Protein backbone atom coordinates (compact mmCIF):
# COMPACT_ATOMS: atom_id res chain seq x y z
CA MET A 1 -16.49 81.45 70.12
CA ILE A 2 -16.61 81.53 73.92
CA ALA A 3 -19.98 82.54 75.37
CA PRO A 4 -20.16 86.15 76.64
CA PHE A 5 -20.56 86.97 80.30
CA PRO A 6 -24.20 87.08 81.43
CA PHE A 7 -25.72 90.53 81.92
CA VAL A 8 -27.81 91.26 85.01
CA SER A 9 -29.67 94.54 85.53
CA VAL A 10 -31.11 95.19 88.99
CA SER A 11 -33.06 97.96 90.71
CA GLY A 12 -34.97 98.71 93.88
CA SER A 13 -33.88 98.52 97.51
CA PRO A 14 -30.50 96.96 98.35
CA TYR A 15 -32.19 93.72 99.39
CA GLU A 16 -34.35 93.61 96.26
CA ARG A 17 -31.38 94.33 94.00
CA GLY A 18 -29.52 91.48 95.63
CA ARG A 19 -32.47 89.11 95.31
CA GLN A 20 -32.74 89.89 91.59
CA HIS A 21 -29.00 89.31 91.18
CA GLY A 22 -29.05 85.95 92.97
CA ALA A 23 -32.15 84.72 91.14
CA ALA A 24 -30.86 85.77 87.69
CA VAL A 25 -27.53 83.92 87.86
CA THR A 26 -28.12 81.29 90.52
CA ASP A 27 -25.82 78.75 88.94
CA ARG A 28 -22.93 81.21 88.71
CA VAL A 29 -23.40 82.36 92.30
CA HIS A 30 -23.26 78.72 93.42
CA ARG A 31 -20.09 78.19 91.38
CA SER A 32 -18.47 81.25 92.97
CA ALA A 33 -19.39 79.98 96.42
CA ARG A 34 -18.00 76.50 95.71
CA PHE A 35 -14.81 77.92 94.24
CA TYR A 36 -13.92 79.99 97.31
CA ALA A 37 -15.09 77.34 99.77
CA GLY A 38 -12.65 75.07 97.95
CA GLN A 39 -9.83 77.54 98.61
CA LEU A 40 -10.52 77.20 102.34
CA ASP A 41 -10.77 73.41 102.06
CA ARG A 42 -7.29 73.28 100.58
CA LEU A 43 -5.94 75.21 103.52
CA GLY A 44 -7.50 72.73 105.93
CA SER A 45 -9.78 75.39 107.39
CA LYS A 46 -12.02 73.94 110.09
CA PRO A 47 -15.78 74.75 110.16
CA GLY A 48 -15.55 76.66 113.43
CA GLU A 49 -12.70 78.78 112.11
CA ARG A 50 -14.65 79.58 108.93
CA GLU A 51 -17.72 80.60 110.88
CA ALA A 52 -15.64 82.88 113.11
CA LEU A 53 -13.88 84.50 110.12
CA ILE A 54 -17.10 85.11 108.24
CA ALA A 55 -18.81 86.47 111.35
CA GLU A 56 -15.89 88.87 111.85
CA PHE A 57 -16.20 90.15 108.27
CA SER A 58 -19.98 90.35 108.54
CA ARG A 59 -19.59 92.76 111.46
CA GLY A 60 -16.99 94.78 109.58
CA ILE A 61 -19.15 95.03 106.45
CA ALA A 62 -22.16 96.13 108.49
CA ALA A 63 -20.06 98.84 110.14
CA PHE A 64 -18.82 100.05 106.76
CA ASP A 65 -22.25 100.05 105.07
CA GLU A 66 -25.23 98.12 106.41
CA ALA A 67 -26.84 98.30 102.96
CA TYR A 68 -24.09 96.07 101.57
CA LEU A 69 -25.00 93.33 104.03
CA GLU A 70 -28.65 93.72 102.99
CA GLU A 71 -27.71 93.39 99.32
CA MET A 72 -25.69 90.26 100.12
CA ARG A 73 -28.62 88.87 102.08
CA GLY A 74 -30.78 89.41 99.00
CA ILE A 75 -28.26 87.61 96.78
CA ALA A 76 -28.20 84.70 99.21
CA ASP A 77 -32.00 84.43 99.27
CA GLY A 78 -32.28 84.80 95.49
CA ALA A 79 -29.70 82.09 94.89
CA GLY A 80 -30.84 79.80 97.73
CA LEU A 81 -27.60 80.02 99.68
CA ASP A 82 -26.59 80.93 103.20
CA LEU A 83 -25.50 84.54 103.70
CA SER A 84 -22.07 83.30 104.81
CA ALA A 85 -21.36 82.06 101.26
CA ILE A 86 -22.01 85.53 99.82
CA ILE A 87 -19.86 87.23 102.46
CA MET A 88 -17.09 84.80 101.52
CA ILE A 89 -17.32 85.81 97.83
CA ASN A 90 -17.11 89.51 98.69
CA ALA A 91 -14.27 89.19 101.21
CA ARG A 92 -12.48 86.28 99.57
CA THR A 93 -9.02 87.90 99.40
CA GLU A 94 -9.00 88.75 103.09
CA ILE A 95 -10.71 85.59 104.36
CA VAL A 96 -8.38 83.24 102.46
CA ALA A 97 -5.36 85.19 103.73
CA LYS A 98 -6.55 85.00 107.33
CA ALA A 99 -7.25 81.29 106.92
CA ARG A 100 -3.65 80.87 105.79
CA LEU A 101 -2.46 82.61 108.93
CA LEU A 102 -4.61 80.34 111.07
CA ALA A 103 -3.04 77.39 109.28
CA SER A 104 0.39 78.80 110.30
CA ARG A 105 1.35 79.55 106.71
CA PRO A 106 2.88 83.04 106.52
CA ILE A 107 1.25 85.38 104.02
CA ASP A 108 4.58 86.75 102.84
CA GLU A 109 6.45 83.51 102.29
CA ASP A 110 7.63 82.87 98.72
CA ASP A 111 5.99 79.48 98.26
CA ASP A 112 4.01 77.73 95.55
CA GLU A 113 0.76 79.25 96.78
CA GLU A 114 1.93 82.79 96.00
CA GLU A 115 1.48 82.60 92.24
CA LYS A 116 -1.78 80.70 92.50
CA MET A 117 -3.43 83.26 94.75
CA ALA A 118 -2.19 86.37 92.88
CA ASP A 119 -4.97 87.67 90.66
CA GLY A 120 -2.50 89.73 88.72
CA CYS A 121 -3.90 92.09 86.07
CA THR A 122 -2.49 94.72 83.75
CA GLY A 123 -4.37 97.99 83.45
CA ALA A 124 -4.11 101.25 81.51
CA ILE A 125 -5.82 104.61 81.13
CA ILE A 126 -5.64 106.78 78.01
CA LEU A 127 -6.31 110.44 78.77
CA PRO A 128 -8.11 112.86 76.42
CA GLU A 129 -4.88 114.37 75.05
CA ARG A 130 -4.03 110.95 73.55
CA SER A 131 -7.57 109.78 72.83
CA TRP A 132 -9.17 109.91 69.36
CA SER A 133 -12.60 110.48 70.90
CA GLY A 134 -11.31 113.20 73.22
CA GLY A 135 -12.49 111.22 76.24
CA ILE A 136 -11.07 108.77 78.77
CA ILE A 137 -10.44 105.16 77.71
CA GLN A 138 -9.70 102.75 80.58
CA GLY A 139 -9.04 99.03 80.42
CA GLN A 140 -7.85 95.99 82.33
CA ASN A 141 -6.92 92.36 81.87
CA TRP A 142 -8.17 90.39 84.87
CA ASP A 143 -5.71 87.56 85.51
CA TRP A 144 -6.99 84.85 87.82
CA GLN A 145 -8.03 81.22 87.56
CA PRO A 146 -9.75 80.32 84.26
CA GLU A 147 -12.72 78.57 85.87
CA CYS A 148 -13.81 82.06 86.93
CA ALA A 149 -14.80 82.67 83.30
CA GLU A 150 -17.80 80.56 84.36
CA THR A 151 -18.53 82.61 87.49
CA ALA A 152 -18.18 86.22 86.31
CA ILE A 153 -21.02 88.50 85.16
CA VAL A 154 -21.62 92.11 84.14
CA LEU A 155 -23.93 93.76 86.66
CA ARG A 156 -25.86 97.01 86.15
CA VAL A 157 -27.21 98.59 89.32
CA HIS A 158 -29.97 101.20 89.09
CA ARG A 159 -29.73 103.13 92.33
CA GLN A 160 -32.22 105.36 94.13
CA ASP A 161 -29.62 107.30 96.12
CA GLY A 162 -26.79 107.95 93.69
CA PRO A 163 -25.48 107.32 90.19
CA ASP A 164 -26.26 104.05 88.43
CA LEU A 165 -23.23 101.82 87.96
CA LEU A 166 -21.98 99.05 85.70
CA THR A 167 -19.47 96.54 87.06
CA PHE A 168 -17.70 93.40 85.89
CA VAL A 169 -17.78 91.14 88.93
CA GLU A 170 -17.82 87.57 90.14
CA ALA A 171 -21.42 86.40 90.57
CA GLY A 172 -22.46 87.08 94.15
CA GLY A 173 -20.08 90.03 94.41
CA LEU A 174 -21.01 93.69 94.71
CA GLY A 175 -18.20 95.27 92.70
CA ARG A 176 -14.85 94.89 90.97
CA HIS A 177 -14.03 96.78 87.74
CA GLY A 178 -16.53 99.30 86.45
CA MET A 179 -17.89 102.76 85.79
CA ASN A 180 -20.83 104.87 86.85
CA GLU A 181 -23.32 107.40 85.55
CA ALA A 182 -21.15 110.26 86.85
CA GLY A 183 -18.38 109.25 84.42
CA ILE A 184 -16.13 107.66 87.06
CA CYS A 185 -14.15 104.49 86.18
CA VAL A 186 -12.44 102.17 88.66
CA THR A 187 -10.14 99.24 87.93
CA GLY A 188 -7.66 97.51 90.21
CA ASN A 189 -4.50 95.44 90.40
CA TYR A 190 -2.97 93.09 92.94
CA LEU A 191 -0.10 94.47 95.07
CA ARG A 192 1.69 93.10 98.13
CA SER A 193 3.83 94.72 100.80
CA ASP A 194 5.36 94.02 104.19
CA ARG A 195 2.50 95.95 105.82
CA ASP A 196 -0.17 93.44 104.77
CA TYR A 197 -2.49 91.73 107.28
CA ARG A 198 -1.33 93.64 110.33
CA GLN A 199 -4.66 95.47 110.78
CA GLU A 200 -8.36 94.97 110.14
CA GLY A 201 -9.83 96.49 107.01
CA VAL A 202 -12.75 96.72 104.62
CA PRO A 203 -12.75 94.05 101.86
CA LEU A 204 -11.19 95.46 98.70
CA ALA A 205 -14.20 94.56 96.56
CA LEU A 206 -16.40 96.78 98.74
CA VAL A 207 -13.93 99.68 98.58
CA ARG A 208 -14.26 99.54 94.80
CA ARG A 209 -18.04 99.35 95.01
CA LYS A 210 -18.13 102.35 97.34
CA ALA A 211 -15.91 104.33 94.94
CA LEU A 212 -18.30 103.49 92.08
CA GLU A 213 -21.23 104.86 94.08
CA GLN A 214 -19.77 108.37 94.30
CA GLU A 215 -21.12 111.39 92.45
CA HIS A 216 -17.71 113.07 92.24
CA LEU A 217 -14.20 111.80 91.47
CA ALA A 218 -12.78 113.59 94.52
CA LEU A 219 -15.08 111.54 96.76
CA ALA A 220 -14.18 108.30 94.97
CA MET A 221 -10.48 109.09 95.46
CA LYS A 222 -11.12 109.77 99.15
CA VAL A 223 -12.86 106.40 99.55
CA VAL A 224 -9.94 104.54 97.95
CA ALA A 225 -7.21 106.47 99.75
CA THR A 226 -8.64 106.63 103.26
CA THR A 227 -10.68 103.45 103.80
CA PRO A 228 -8.66 101.10 106.07
CA LYS A 229 -7.63 97.91 104.30
CA ALA A 230 -6.17 94.64 105.50
CA CYS A 231 -3.85 94.31 102.52
CA SER A 232 -2.23 96.30 99.76
CA THR A 233 -3.90 97.03 96.44
CA ASN A 234 -3.64 99.28 93.42
CA MET A 235 -6.68 101.17 92.17
CA MET A 236 -6.86 103.20 88.97
CA LEU A 237 -9.50 105.95 88.80
CA SER A 238 -10.60 108.32 86.06
CA GLN A 239 -13.40 110.73 85.24
CA ASP A 240 -14.64 111.31 81.72
CA ARG A 241 -14.06 115.05 81.89
CA GLY A 242 -10.37 114.34 81.61
CA PHE A 243 -8.53 113.41 84.81
CA ALA A 244 -7.01 110.11 85.93
CA ILE A 245 -4.91 108.95 88.84
CA ASP A 246 -3.44 105.70 90.11
CA LEU A 247 -3.48 105.08 93.87
CA GLU A 248 -1.03 102.49 95.17
CA CYS A 249 -2.49 101.59 98.54
CA ALA A 250 -0.83 100.02 101.53
CA PRO A 251 -3.32 99.08 104.26
CA ASP A 252 -2.79 102.40 106.02
CA GLU A 253 -1.46 104.78 103.37
CA ALA A 254 -2.00 105.70 99.70
CA PHE A 255 0.65 106.81 97.19
CA PRO A 256 -0.48 108.67 94.05
CA VAL A 257 0.94 107.93 90.59
CA TYR A 258 0.13 110.56 87.98
CA PRO A 259 -0.23 110.32 84.19
CA GLU A 260 2.82 110.68 81.96
CA ASN A 261 2.44 111.57 78.29
CA GLY A 262 -1.31 111.13 78.55
CA LEU A 263 -1.11 107.58 79.92
CA ILE A 264 -1.20 105.59 83.14
CA VAL A 265 -0.09 101.95 82.99
CA HIS A 266 0.12 99.62 85.98
CA ALA A 267 0.72 95.93 86.56
CA ASN A 268 1.55 94.21 89.87
CA HIS A 269 4.61 95.92 91.30
CA TRP A 270 4.95 99.17 93.20
CA ILE A 271 6.20 102.10 91.10
CA SER A 272 5.75 105.16 93.34
CA PRO A 273 9.23 106.25 94.50
CA VAL A 274 7.71 107.42 97.78
CA ALA A 275 6.08 104.04 98.38
CA LEU A 276 9.29 102.17 97.55
CA ALA A 277 11.19 104.31 100.05
CA LYS A 278 8.73 103.47 102.83
CA LEU A 279 7.75 99.81 102.35
CA ARG A 280 8.97 96.52 100.90
CA ASP A 281 7.38 95.05 97.78
CA THR A 282 6.69 91.36 98.58
CA GLY A 283 4.90 90.47 95.34
CA PHE A 284 7.20 87.60 94.45
CA GLY A 285 4.51 85.68 92.55
CA SER A 286 4.35 88.03 89.53
CA PRO A 287 7.91 88.69 88.28
CA ASP A 288 6.53 89.19 84.75
CA SER A 289 4.75 92.29 86.06
CA HIS A 290 7.79 94.43 85.21
CA TYR A 291 7.74 93.70 81.50
CA ARG A 292 3.96 93.57 81.23
CA ASP A 293 3.90 97.18 82.43
CA TRP A 294 6.74 98.06 80.02
CA ARG A 295 5.09 96.38 77.02
CA VAL A 296 1.69 98.05 77.41
CA ARG A 297 3.27 101.46 77.94
CA ARG A 298 5.49 100.99 74.89
CA LEU A 299 2.63 99.80 72.66
CA LEU A 300 0.50 102.79 73.63
CA THR A 301 3.35 105.31 73.36
CA GLU A 302 4.76 104.31 69.96
CA PRO A 303 1.81 105.27 67.71
CA GLN A 304 2.24 108.89 66.69
CA ARG A 305 -1.51 109.45 66.55
CA PHE A 306 -4.58 109.59 68.75
CA LEU A 307 -5.54 106.27 70.34
CA THR A 308 -8.84 104.35 70.29
CA ARG A 309 -10.41 101.49 72.23
CA GLU A 310 -8.97 99.18 69.57
CA ASP A 311 -5.45 100.42 70.34
CA LEU A 312 -5.94 99.69 74.02
CA LYS A 313 -7.30 96.24 73.19
CA ALA A 314 -4.28 95.56 70.96
CA ALA A 315 -1.91 96.48 73.81
CA LEU A 316 -3.80 94.27 76.27
CA PHE A 317 -3.73 91.38 73.74
CA ASP A 318 0.10 91.50 73.75
CA ASP A 319 1.67 88.02 73.89
CA PHE A 320 5.33 88.99 74.38
CA LEU A 321 7.08 86.14 76.28
CA SER A 322 3.85 84.12 76.44
CA PRO A 323 2.55 82.35 78.48
CA TYR A 324 3.90 84.84 81.07
CA ALA A 325 2.44 87.70 79.07
CA VAL A 326 0.09 90.66 79.26
CA CYS A 327 -2.58 88.40 77.77
CA ARG A 328 -2.16 85.04 79.46
CA PRO A 329 -3.41 81.78 77.92
CA PRO A 330 -4.43 79.15 80.46
CA ARG A 331 -1.25 77.63 81.87
CA ALA A 332 -0.28 75.51 84.83
CA GLY A 333 1.16 77.37 87.80
CA ALA A 334 3.67 76.06 90.31
CA THR A 335 1.02 73.97 92.08
CA GLY A 336 -0.57 72.64 88.87
CA ASP A 337 -3.58 74.97 89.08
CA LEU A 338 -4.31 76.91 85.90
CA THR A 339 -4.03 80.68 85.66
CA ALA A 340 -5.11 82.88 82.74
CA SER A 341 -6.35 86.25 81.62
CA VAL A 342 -9.98 85.55 82.48
CA ALA A 343 -11.39 88.73 80.93
CA MET A 344 -10.42 91.90 79.10
CA ILE A 345 -12.52 94.92 80.09
CA VAL A 346 -12.35 98.20 78.12
CA MET A 347 -14.49 101.23 79.03
CA GLU A 348 -15.29 104.67 77.64
CA PRO A 349 -17.22 106.39 80.41
CA GLY A 350 -18.12 109.38 78.26
CA LEU A 351 -20.07 107.00 76.01
CA GLY A 352 -21.37 104.93 78.91
CA ILE A 353 -20.04 101.68 77.44
CA MET A 354 -17.99 98.72 78.62
CA GLU A 355 -16.69 96.05 76.23
CA VAL A 356 -15.71 92.68 77.68
CA ALA A 357 -14.12 89.57 76.17
CA PRO A 358 -13.88 86.31 78.13
CA LEU A 359 -10.54 84.44 78.06
CA PRO A 360 -9.01 86.92 75.59
CA ALA A 361 -5.93 84.82 74.79
CA LEU A 362 -8.34 82.30 73.25
CA ASN A 363 -11.12 84.62 72.10
CA ARG A 364 -11.27 88.07 70.49
CA HIS A 365 -15.04 88.50 70.53
CA PHE A 366 -16.35 91.30 72.75
CA THR A 367 -19.79 92.11 74.06
CA ARG A 368 -20.73 95.75 74.62
CA TYR A 369 -22.62 96.51 77.83
CA GLY A 370 -24.02 99.89 78.75
CA LEU A 371 -25.48 102.02 81.50
CA SER A 372 -28.63 101.86 79.36
CA GLY A 373 -29.90 99.42 76.75
CA ASP A 374 -29.18 95.75 76.17
CA PRO A 375 -25.81 94.08 75.49
CA VAL A 376 -24.69 93.81 71.87
CA ALA A 377 -22.02 91.73 70.18
CA VAL A 378 -19.01 93.62 68.82
CA ALA A 379 -16.95 92.61 65.78
CA ALA A 380 -13.99 90.48 66.78
CA ALA A 381 -10.84 92.45 67.51
CA ALA A 382 -8.14 92.19 64.84
């Protein structure tokens, strides 16, 4: 059995929450920092260039929400690292992309780096009309590099100025996939388009965190749709009272995708007809996205009954055409680096629970985390 992801519960001021986070999982924060510093090393990024990039993002983060910079400063102090390392973790997608541009390597070229840098993911939402519990069920496979199974954590944030939140995140990060006390869930998938990296924008991880801080789904949707971004992304949002929406986001525009037959399923290609009429999908690194989307939708549509968390898990465990599958075992990419489904995350916001399995192609043991209480082991999925 693979060890579960560490659980960290923090409270207090933004700085104090960050300090608790950094002190609780110091080793994992250091691993995250080394991992993304290594990405820049491989691009031949010079120290002066790194400092300038990180300073640029530090200013942008402070303008977006000064409290986020304070929380990062707390993580850095708690883990004994420089603040720049924590900014790198939280803006890693954008910083690595800009470093590639500085190295005169076009972001949109179809080269060996494309697959390696695409943290793919397949996600789904089951709406109440298809759900056995009568509530929302939302889940995601996070596809990235398997060493990140040793850097990820589940973080619970008790807030003084809004709903508490629970997020699966890389150690040192402020947010990724998660839910909050107001019943809002947020997950996300990699997308690319010909509009990417033509403007400045807020790091995607912080857009997700901001959405998770909202009291109302309408406000979370506004954050996702209107916050300027440097690159494209897909974000799936739901609220436990029974609504869900998928927002395919270009840097400067958002395209809604609505539920069909009580389901939303999304992988790593654009599906909004409006989006496809206005931009070019440049996500060459994930051709399997088209059948991953198809497989999960089919597996959730075929049962002529109400669906449970176990049904969503079964769909996300799908190994059709493995290793290029919904649930990816570790495999070598074009450059020799390994990629895998690093985690499976399944949430029921109405119950306030999140179940997570590390490296699900190799492991079917979940741990249940909650907005209250301690983590508990869950029987292995069939």
